[in-house]
């Protein structure tokens, strides 16, 4: 990671350090010791200047959790992001695959305000505060802050798990107050809502054929938790979902797809609304990939089968801060 100079006396220099000069002592001098000063154009955009790294486009394959013992597999990009406090997939979130063998359990207790589980396959239950909630393939489960939770599998089970512990580590805080109640979204209900949307006459004219999952406690953001945003989406056969972008990082899970499904990502669009010099990310059933913030992206299905995806983002937080800045290209 690039670093800035520690001292510079030039008027346009990168950094100026408060100098004691013998005029400060004791506590006054100590309080000024860490003060730094930057010329505005140097420090206003540390990502653009290269001082800190961008979120990388990264794929994670389903082979990471196929077979083997009960375990948690963090999708860790902390080194690429310059984060030294623990694993992270984005600056504010960590995604993991969780495999639980039949009859076994994992106990998970992150310092997080929001946990989201999607059951890729299998069935089992979660026990928290003496209460047990069952789940099965295709269900979504959200948990607020609290103590450790035991997750037990009846059959071999794979979960996709996203939570906001990296955000809390950055802020130096501990999650102490639940902001919503534990909530299960059964796959049958999500399928029914998605089918209703997909069968509308204008479905293919919309920017996305999808249902957003929300919690009644989040009236301001209309999101699944106050931090997390989750979509259950369909990419129909032969469809191109035109480019859009937002300032939240998307941790995309592909539920099912045939060869010929992919995403295009890039920093600019041309006058026709097409992404310029895009990076192509091939979809893999059961795999995941990271869509960086502010990057235009489009989804394409050139296969002979419909595909489903679940993007999970920290867009609940961005929506509350009024900083999501979601934009779509205009239809041609």
Protein backbone atom coordinates (compact mmCIF):
# COMPACT_ATOMS: atom_id res chain seq x y z
CA UNK A 1 0.00 0.00 0.00
CA UNK A 2 1.29 3.44 -0.91
CA UNK A 3 2.23 5.72 1.98
CA UNK A 4 2.55 9.47 2.20
CA UNK A 5 5.69 11.27 3.34
CA UNK A 6 5.87 11.96 7.05
CA UNK A 7 7.06 15.54 6.68
CA UNK A 8 7.18 18.19 3.99
CA UNK A 9 7.93 21.89 4.23
CA UNK A 10 6.93 22.71 0.65
CA UNK A 11 3.69 24.72 0.22
CA UNK A 12 2.20 22.00 -2.03
CA UNK A 13 3.66 19.11 -0.07
CA UNK A 14 1.80 15.99 0.89
CA UNK A 15 1.96 16.38 4.63
CA UNK A 16 2.90 18.83 7.35
CA UNK A 17 3.55 17.73 10.91
CA UNK A 18 2.86 19.87 13.93
CA UNK A 19 6.26 20.97 15.27
CA UNK A 20 6.76 21.45 18.99
CA UNK A 21 9.67 23.87 18.61
CA UNK A 22 10.19 23.75 22.37
CA UNK A 23 7.08 25.89 22.92
CA UNK A 24 4.81 23.04 24.01
CA UNK A 25 5.33 20.61 26.81
CA UNK A 26 3.49 18.10 28.94
CA UNK A 27 -0.03 17.21 27.99
CA UNK A 28 -0.37 20.00 25.41
CA UNK A 29 2.53 18.62 23.42
CA UNK A 30 1.26 15.07 23.67
CA UNK A 31 -2.15 16.05 22.34
CA UNK A 32 -0.55 17.68 19.30
CA UNK A 33 1.86 14.85 18.61
CA UNK A 34 -0.38 13.01 16.12
CA UNK A 35 -1.70 16.07 14.29
CA UNK A 36 -1.20 16.03 10.50
CA UNK A 37 -2.07 18.54 7.78
CA UNK A 38 -2.61 17.85 4.06
CA UNK A 39 -3.14 20.07 1.08
CA UNK A 40 -6.74 19.39 0.04
CA UNK A 41 -6.16 17.93 -3.43
CA UNK A 42 -3.72 15.38 -2.02
CA UNK A 43 -5.91 13.88 0.69
CA UNK A 44 -9.52 14.56 -0.34
CA UNK A 45 -9.67 11.32 -2.35
CA UNK A 46 -7.20 8.79 -0.85
CA UNK A 47 -8.65 6.01 -3.03
CA UNK A 48 -8.17 7.99 -6.25
CA UNK A 49 -4.67 9.02 -5.22
CA UNK A 50 -3.71 5.43 -4.52
CA UNK A 51 -3.09 6.00 -0.81
CA UNK A 52 -5.60 3.25 -0.01
CA UNK A 53 -6.61 0.42 -2.31
CA UNK A 54 -9.82 -0.06 -4.20
CA UNK A 55 -12.10 -3.01 -3.49
CA UNK A 56 -10.97 -5.70 -5.94
CA UNK A 57 -13.22 -7.71 -8.27
CA UNK A 58 -12.82 -11.22 -6.85
CA UNK A 59 -14.43 -14.63 -7.46
CA UNK A 60 -14.83 -17.39 -4.88
CA UNK A 61 -15.64 -20.89 -6.10
CA UNK A 62 -18.10 -23.42 -4.71
CA UNK A 63 -15.20 -25.85 -4.27
CA UNK A 64 -14.23 -23.89 -1.13
CA UNK A 65 -16.98 -25.60 0.86
CA UNK A 66 -17.68 -28.77 -1.15
CA UNK A 67 -17.24 -31.77 1.14
CA UNK A 68 -14.89 -32.14 4.05
CA UNK A 69 -15.27 -31.34 7.75
CA UNK A 70 -17.48 -28.79 9.48
CA UNK A 71 -15.78 -25.43 9.07
CA UNK A 72 -16.11 -21.71 8.35
CA UNK A 73 -14.41 -20.45 5.18
CA UNK A 74 -13.96 -16.63 5.31
CA UNK A 75 -13.84 -14.90 1.93
CA UNK A 76 -10.98 -12.78 3.15
CA UNK A 77 -9.68 -9.80 1.17
CA UNK A 78 -8.23 -7.98 4.18
CA UNK A 79 -4.66 -8.03 2.84
CA UNK A 80 -5.72 -6.53 -0.50
CA UNK A 81 -7.73 -3.88 1.37
CA UNK A 82 -4.93 -3.03 3.81
CA UNK A 83 -7.07 -4.09 6.77
CA UNK A 84 -5.00 -5.45 9.66
CA UNK A 85 -7.67 -5.90 12.33
CA UNK A 86 -9.19 -9.14 11.03
CA UNK A 87 -10.77 -10.81 8.00
CA UNK A 88 -12.96 -8.72 5.68
CA UNK A 89 -14.49 -9.14 2.25
CA UNK A 90 -15.23 -5.43 1.97
CA UNK A 91 -14.32 -2.56 4.30
CA UNK A 92 -17.54 -3.06 6.27
CA UNK A 93 -18.57 -6.69 5.72
CA UNK A 94 -17.23 -10.22 5.87
CA UNK A 95 -18.79 -13.06 3.87
CA UNK A 96 -18.07 -16.72 4.58
CA UNK A 97 -19.14 -20.14 3.44
CA UNK A 98 -20.12 -22.37 6.35
CA UNK A 99 -20.17 -26.15 6.01
CA UNK A 100 -21.83 -28.22 8.75
CA UNK A 101 -21.80 -31.98 8.55
CA UNK A 102 -24.93 -33.94 9.46
CA UNK A 103 -25.43 -34.09 13.23
CA UNK A 104 -22.75 -31.49 13.93
CA UNK A 105 -22.92 -27.82 14.89
CA UNK A 106 -20.98 -24.60 14.76
CA UNK A 107 -21.25 -21.85 17.37
CA UNK A 108 -20.89 -18.36 15.90
CA UNK A 109 -20.80 -15.15 17.91
CA UNK A 110 -19.31 -12.25 15.96
CA UNK A 111 -19.27 -8.70 17.26
CA UNK A 112 -21.87 -7.67 14.68
CA UNK A 113 -25.13 -5.76 14.54
CA UNK A 114 -26.45 -7.75 11.56
CA UNK A 115 -25.95 -11.35 10.47
CA UNK A 116 -27.52 -12.82 7.34
CA UNK A 117 -27.53 -16.53 6.52
CA UNK A 118 -28.69 -18.08 3.27
CA UNK A 119 -29.10 -21.85 3.25
CA UNK A 120 -27.41 -22.99 0.02
CA UNK A 121 -28.38 -26.58 0.73
CA UNK A 122 -29.34 -28.73 3.69
CA UNK A 123 -31.53 -28.15 6.73
CA UNK A 124 -31.13 -27.68 10.44
CA UNK A 125 -31.76 -25.21 13.24
CA UNK A 126 -30.31 -22.25 15.12
CA UNK A 127 -30.58 -21.83 18.88
CA UNK A 128 -30.28 -18.44 20.56
CA UNK A 129 -31.38 -17.30 24.01
CA UNK A 130 -33.01 -20.66 24.59
CA UNK A 131 -35.16 -20.44 21.47
CA UNK A 132 -34.71 -22.69 18.42
CA UNK A 133 -35.54 -21.70 14.84
CA UNK A 134 -35.52 -24.28 12.04
CA UNK A 135 -34.46 -23.63 8.46
CA UNK A 136 -34.09 -25.46 5.14
CA UNK A 137 -32.61 -25.06 1.65
CA UNK A 138 -33.31 -21.63 0.19
CA UNK A 139 -34.28 -19.92 3.44
CA UNK A 140 -32.85 -16.59 4.58
CA UNK A 141 -32.22 -15.93 8.27
CA UNK A 142 -31.22 -12.63 9.86
CA UNK A 143 -29.91 -12.31 13.42
CA UNK A 144 -29.24 -9.12 15.42
CA UNK A 145 -26.49 -8.48 17.95
CA UNK A 146 -26.41 -10.86 20.89
CA UNK A 147 -24.51 -13.79 22.31
CA UNK A 148 -23.18 -16.85 20.53
CA UNK A 149 -25.66 -18.82 18.41
CA UNK A 150 -25.51 -22.57 17.83
CA UNK A 151 -26.24 -23.75 14.28
CA UNK A 152 -26.89 -27.51 13.96
CA UNK A 153 -27.35 -29.47 10.74
CA UNK A 154 -29.71 -32.42 10.28
CA UNK A 155 -28.08 -33.32 6.96
CA UNK A 156 -24.87 -32.04 5.36
CA UNK A 157 -25.46 -28.30 5.04
CA UNK A 158 -23.86 -25.32 3.32
CA UNK A 159 -24.57 -21.73 4.37
CA UNK A 160 -23.62 -18.32 2.98
CA UNK A 161 -22.99 -16.02 5.96
CA UNK A 162 -22.55 -12.22 5.85
CA UNK A 163 -22.17 -9.84 8.79
CA UNK A 164 -20.83 -6.40 9.64
CA UNK A 165 -18.08 -7.13 12.19
CA UNK A 166 -15.40 -5.37 10.05
CA UNK A 167 -17.44 -2.16 10.31
CA UNK A 168 -17.61 -2.44 14.10
CA UNK A 169 -13.90 -3.21 14.34
CA UNK A 170 -13.17 -0.05 12.34
CA UNK A 171 -15.41 2.04 14.59
CA UNK A 172 -13.99 0.46 17.74
CA UNK A 173 -17.41 -0.37 19.15
CA UNK A 174 -19.26 -3.37 20.55
CA UNK A 175 -22.75 -4.30 19.38
CA UNK A 176 -24.87 -4.19 22.52
CA UNK A 177 -28.45 -3.43 21.45
CA UNK A 178 -30.49 -5.57 19.02
CA UNK A 179 -32.01 -3.38 16.30
CA UNK A 180 -34.45 -6.00 14.95
CA UNK A 181 -35.80 -9.40 15.93
CA UNK A 182 -34.45 -12.68 14.51
CA UNK A 183 -36.27 -13.18 11.22
CA UNK A 184 -36.66 -16.08 8.78
CA UNK A 185 -37.62 -15.58 5.14
CA UNK A 186 -38.83 -19.00 3.84
CA UNK A 187 -37.76 -19.83 0.28
CA UNK A 188 -41.36 -20.64 -0.68
CA UNK A 189 -42.46 -17.11 0.20
CA UNK A 190 -39.54 -15.52 -1.67
CA UNK A 191 -40.27 -17.73 -4.71
CA UNK A 192 -43.93 -16.74 -4.67
CA UNK A 193 -43.18 -13.02 -4.55
CA UNK A 194 -40.55 -13.33 -7.28
CA UNK A 195 -42.95 -15.30 -9.50
CA UNK A 196 -45.59 -12.58 -9.15
CA UNK A 197 -43.06 -9.94 -10.20
CA UNK A 198 -41.67 -12.04 -13.08
CA UNK A 199 -45.09 -12.67 -14.62
CA UNK A 200 -46.07 -9.01 -14.85
CA UNK A 201 -46.45 -7.81 -18.48
CA UNK A 202 -43.71 -5.21 -18.08
CA UNK A 203 -41.30 -7.42 -16.11
CA UNK A 204 -38.59 -7.51 -18.77
CA UNK A 205 -38.75 -3.73 -19.19
CA UNK A 206 -37.76 -3.18 -15.56
CA UNK A 207 -34.13 -2.70 -14.53
CA UNK A 208 -34.24 -5.92 -12.47
CA UNK A 209 -36.60 -8.87 -12.08
CA UNK A 210 -36.19 -9.28 -8.36
CA UNK A 211 -37.67 -9.01 -4.90
CA UNK A 212 -36.01 -7.03 -2.13
CA UNK A 213 -36.18 -8.59 1.32
CA UNK A 214 -37.03 -6.18 4.11
CA UNK A 215 -37.76 -6.07 7.83
CA UNK A 216 -40.64 -4.15 9.41
CA UNK A 217 -38.19 -2.50 11.81
CA UNK A 218 -36.41 -0.74 8.91
CA UNK A 219 -39.05 1.75 7.75
CA UNK A 220 -36.50 4.36 6.74
CA UNK A 221 -34.30 2.12 4.60
CA UNK A 222 -36.73 -0.64 3.48
CA UNK A 223 -33.87 -3.14 3.86
CA UNK A 224 -33.39 -6.55 5.47
CA UNK A 225 -31.48 -5.00 8.41
CA UNK A 226 -30.44 -1.47 9.24
CA UNK A 227 -27.00 -2.23 7.70
CA UNK A 228 -27.60 -5.04 5.20
CA UNK A 229 -29.55 -5.09 1.92
CA UNK A 230 -30.50 -8.34 0.19
CA UNK A 231 -32.10 -9.11 -3.18
CA UNK A 232 -33.47 -12.39 -4.52
CA UNK A 233 -33.24 -12.01 -8.28
CA UNK A 234 -34.04 -13.79 -11.52
CA UNK A 235 -31.99 -13.45 -14.71
CA UNK A 236 -34.32 -14.81 -17.41
CA UNK A 237 -33.12 -16.71 -20.47
CA UNK A 238 -31.68 -14.39 -23.12
CA UNK A 239 -31.94 -11.29 -20.95
CA UNK A 240 -29.42 -8.51 -20.32
CA UNK A 241 -29.94 -6.53 -17.14
CA UNK A 242 -28.60 -3.13 -18.16
CA UNK A 243 -25.76 -1.44 -16.24
CA UNK A 244 -26.24 0.28 -12.92
CA UNK A 245 -23.96 1.31 -10.08
CA UNK A 246 -24.08 2.21 -6.38
CA UNK A 247 -21.68 3.15 -3.62
CA UNK A 248 -22.23 0.01 -1.55
CA UNK A 249 -20.12 -3.11 -2.06
CA UNK A 250 -22.09 -6.11 -3.37
CA UNK A 251 -21.22 -9.63 -2.19
CA UNK A 252 -22.99 -11.65 -4.89
CA UNK A 253 -23.98 -15.29 -4.45
CA UNK A 254 -25.04 -17.22 -7.56
CA UNK A 255 -27.71 -19.77 -6.69
CA UNK A 256 -28.07 -21.52 -10.03
CA UNK A 257 -26.98 -20.89 -13.60
CA UNK A 258 -25.93 -22.63 -16.80
CA UNK A 259 -22.77 -21.79 -18.79
CA UNK A 260 -23.26 -18.49 -20.57
CA UNK A 261 -24.26 -16.39 -17.55
CA UNK A 262 -21.87 -13.63 -16.59
CA UNK A 263 -21.49 -10.07 -15.33
CA UNK A 264 -19.71 -7.18 -17.02
CA UNK A 265 -18.03 -4.59 -14.79
CA UNK A 266 -16.30 -1.32 -15.61
CA UNK A 267 -15.72 2.23 -14.47
CA UNK A 268 -17.39 4.03 -17.38
CA UNK A 269 -20.30 3.74 -19.80
CA UNK A 270 -20.44 5.18 -23.31
CA UNK A 271 -23.15 7.33 -24.92
CA UNK A 272 -25.21 4.19 -25.62
CA UNK A 273 -25.06 3.13 -21.98
CA UNK A 274 -22.69 0.22 -22.62
CA UNK A 275 -19.80 -0.46 -20.26
CA UNK A 276 -16.43 0.60 -21.72
CA UNK A 277 -13.69 -2.09 -21.66
CA UNK A 278 -15.57 -4.30 -19.19
CA UNK A 279 -14.16 -7.05 -17.01
CA UNK A 280 -16.17 -10.23 -17.56
CA UNK A 281 -16.95 -12.33 -14.47
CA UNK A 282 -18.28 -15.80 -15.26
CA UNK A 283 -21.03 -17.08 -13.00
CA UNK A 284 -20.66 -20.36 -11.14
CA UNK A 285 -23.57 -22.06 -9.37
CA UNK A 286 -22.87 -21.90 -5.66
CA UNK A 287 -19.99 -19.44 -6.13
CA UNK A 288 -19.68 -15.81 -5.13
CA UNK A 289 -17.99 -12.66 -6.38
CA UNK A 290 -17.40 -9.10 -5.20
CA UNK A 291 -18.74 -6.08 -7.09
CA UNK A 292 -16.79 -2.95 -6.01
CA UNK A 293 -18.57 0.29 -5.11
CA UNK A 294 -19.11 2.88 -7.82
CA UNK A 295 -18.47 0.39 -10.63
CA UNK A 296 -20.96 -0.04 -13.46
CA UNK A 297 -22.16 -3.63 -13.80
CA UNK A 298 -24.55 -5.56 -16.01
CA UNK A 299 -25.77 -9.16 -15.89
CA UNK A 300 -26.14 -11.30 -19.02
CA UNK A 301 -27.82 -14.68 -19.58
CA UNK A 302 -26.81 -16.24 -22.88
CA UNK A 303 -27.54 -19.76 -21.63
CA UNK A 304 -30.63 -21.86 -22.17
CA UNK A 305 -31.80 -21.76 -18.55
CA UNK A 306 -32.96 -19.10 -16.08
CA UNK A 307 -30.51 -18.12 -13.35
CA UNK A 308 -30.91 -16.78 -9.83
CA UNK A 309 -28.63 -14.57 -7.76
CA UNK A 310 -28.51 -13.00 -4.31
CA UNK A 311 -26.53 -9.76 -3.97
CA UNK A 312 -25.94 -8.75 -0.33
CA UNK A 313 -24.68 -5.25 0.37
CA UNK A 314 -24.13 -2.72 3.15
CA UNK A 315 -26.72 -0.59 1.34
CA UNK A 316 -28.94 -0.36 4.41
CA UNK A 317 -26.30 1.80 6.04
CA UNK A 318 -25.69 3.79 2.84
CA UNK A 319 -29.42 4.36 2.37
CA UNK A 320 -29.73 5.73 5.90
CA UNK A 321 -26.73 8.00 5.30
CA UNK A 322 -28.26 9.12 1.96
CA UNK A 323 -25.03 8.10 0.24
CA UNK A 324 -26.07 5.04 -1.82
CA UNK A 325 -26.28 7.09 -5.05
CA UNK A 326 -27.75 4.24 -7.11
CA UNK A 327 -27.87 5.03 -10.84
CA UNK A 328 -29.16 3.19 -13.92
CA UNK A 329 -28.33 3.73 -17.56
CA UNK A 330 -31.23 5.02 -19.61
CA UNK A 331 -32.93 2.47 -21.87
CA UNK A 332 -31.83 2.70 -25.51
